[in-house]
Amino acid sequence: MSQTRTTAPTGHLEVNESPITNLSKLGELARQAYEQKRTKDCLDLTRTILLIDPDNADAHWMRASIQSEMHRDLDNAREFL
């Protein structure tokens, strides 16, 4: 029996595929979301990647980069006020 797990706006992942294949697809979707500035999607996808592979360097890098951008935006907003 084949089941499909959906990650909202980003696509479908087949449950019966290998974890490496799913991880690869998640990584590609996360990179696309990151490049398209879809922050929430990227954070959701990288969180899922890190649940599967806690040492995934790309996911850590994307999350750290987004966090850095958010801090920079917050600092800019504080300066503006």
Protein backbone atom coordinates (compact mmCIF):
# COMPACT_ATOMS: atom_id res chain seq x y z
CA MET A 1 0.00 0.00 0.00
CA SER A 2 1.52 3.31 -1.09
CA GLN A 3 0.85 6.41 0.96
CA THR A 4 1.79 9.98 0.15
CA ARG A 5 2.87 12.53 2.72
CA THR A 6 2.34 16.12 1.61
CA THR A 7 4.47 19.06 2.65
CA ALA A 8 1.89 21.77 2.03
CA PRO A 9 2.91 24.07 -0.85
CA THR A 10 6.20 22.38 -1.60
CA GLY A 11 5.34 18.96 -3.00
CA HIS A 12 4.85 15.27 -2.32
CA LEU A 13 7.17 12.72 -0.79
CA GLU A 14 6.60 9.03 -1.27
CA VAL A 15 6.69 7.09 1.99
CA ASN A 16 7.96 3.94 0.27
CA GLU A 17 11.08 5.73 -1.06
CA SER A 18 14.38 5.35 0.77
CA PRO A 19 15.15 7.86 3.55
CA ILE A 20 18.16 9.08 1.54
CA THR A 21 15.92 9.84 -1.45
CA ASN A 22 13.42 11.66 0.76
CA LEU A 23 16.23 13.57 2.46
CA SER A 24 17.61 14.58 -0.92
CA LYS A 25 14.19 15.80 -2.07
CA LEU A 26 13.67 17.70 1.18
CA GLY A 27 17.08 19.31 0.77
CA GLU A 28 16.27 20.45 -2.75
CA LEU A 29 12.88 21.82 -1.66
CA ALA A 30 14.53 23.64 1.26
CA ARG A 31 17.16 25.19 -1.04
CA GLN A 32 14.44 26.34 -3.43
CA ALA A 33 12.46 27.87 -0.56
CA TYR A 34 15.61 29.57 0.75
CA GLU A 35 16.48 31.04 -2.65
CA GLN A 36 12.89 32.23 -3.15
CA LYS A 37 12.85 33.85 0.31
CA ARG A 38 10.00 31.59 1.47
CA THR A 39 11.29 31.68 5.02
CA LYS A 40 8.56 29.70 6.77
CA ASP A 41 8.68 26.91 4.18
CA CYS A 42 12.46 26.77 4.42
CA LEU A 43 12.39 26.63 8.22
CA ASP A 44 9.73 23.90 8.16
CA LEU A 45 11.67 21.84 5.63
CA THR A 46 15.02 22.23 7.38
CA ARG A 47 13.40 21.25 10.68
CA THR A 48 12.14 18.06 9.04
CA ILE A 49 15.59 17.40 7.58
CA LEU A 50 17.20 17.83 11.00
CA LEU A 51 14.70 15.43 12.57
CA ILE A 52 15.90 12.82 10.06
CA ASP A 53 19.57 13.83 10.02
CA PRO A 54 20.53 16.02 13.02
CA ASP A 55 24.01 16.63 11.59
CA ASN A 56 22.89 17.87 8.16
CA ALA A 57 25.24 20.77 7.44
CA ASP A 58 23.11 22.35 4.70
CA ALA A 59 20.02 22.48 6.90
CA HIS A 60 22.02 23.99 9.77
CA TRP A 61 23.54 26.57 7.41
CA MET A 62 20.15 27.62 5.97
CA ARG A 63 18.60 27.93 9.43
CA ALA A 64 21.57 29.94 10.73
CA SER A 65 21.46 32.20 7.69
CA ILE A 66 17.74 32.85 8.09
CA GLN A 67 18.21 33.49 11.80
CA SER A 68 20.99 35.96 11.03
CA GLU A 69 18.79 37.79 8.51
CA MET A 70 15.96 37.97 11.04
CA HIS A 71 18.27 39.42 13.70
CA ARG A 72 19.59 41.96 11.21
CA ASP A 73 16.04 42.98 10.28
CA LEU A 74 15.14 43.31 13.96
CA ASP A 75 18.22 45.45 14.62
CA ASN A 76 17.31 47.67 11.65
CA ALA A 77 13.77 48.06 12.94
CA ARG A 78 15.07 49.02 16.38
CA GLU A 79 17.35 51.63 14.86
CA PHE A 80 14.46 53.02 12.85
CA LEU A 81 12.32 53.41 15.97
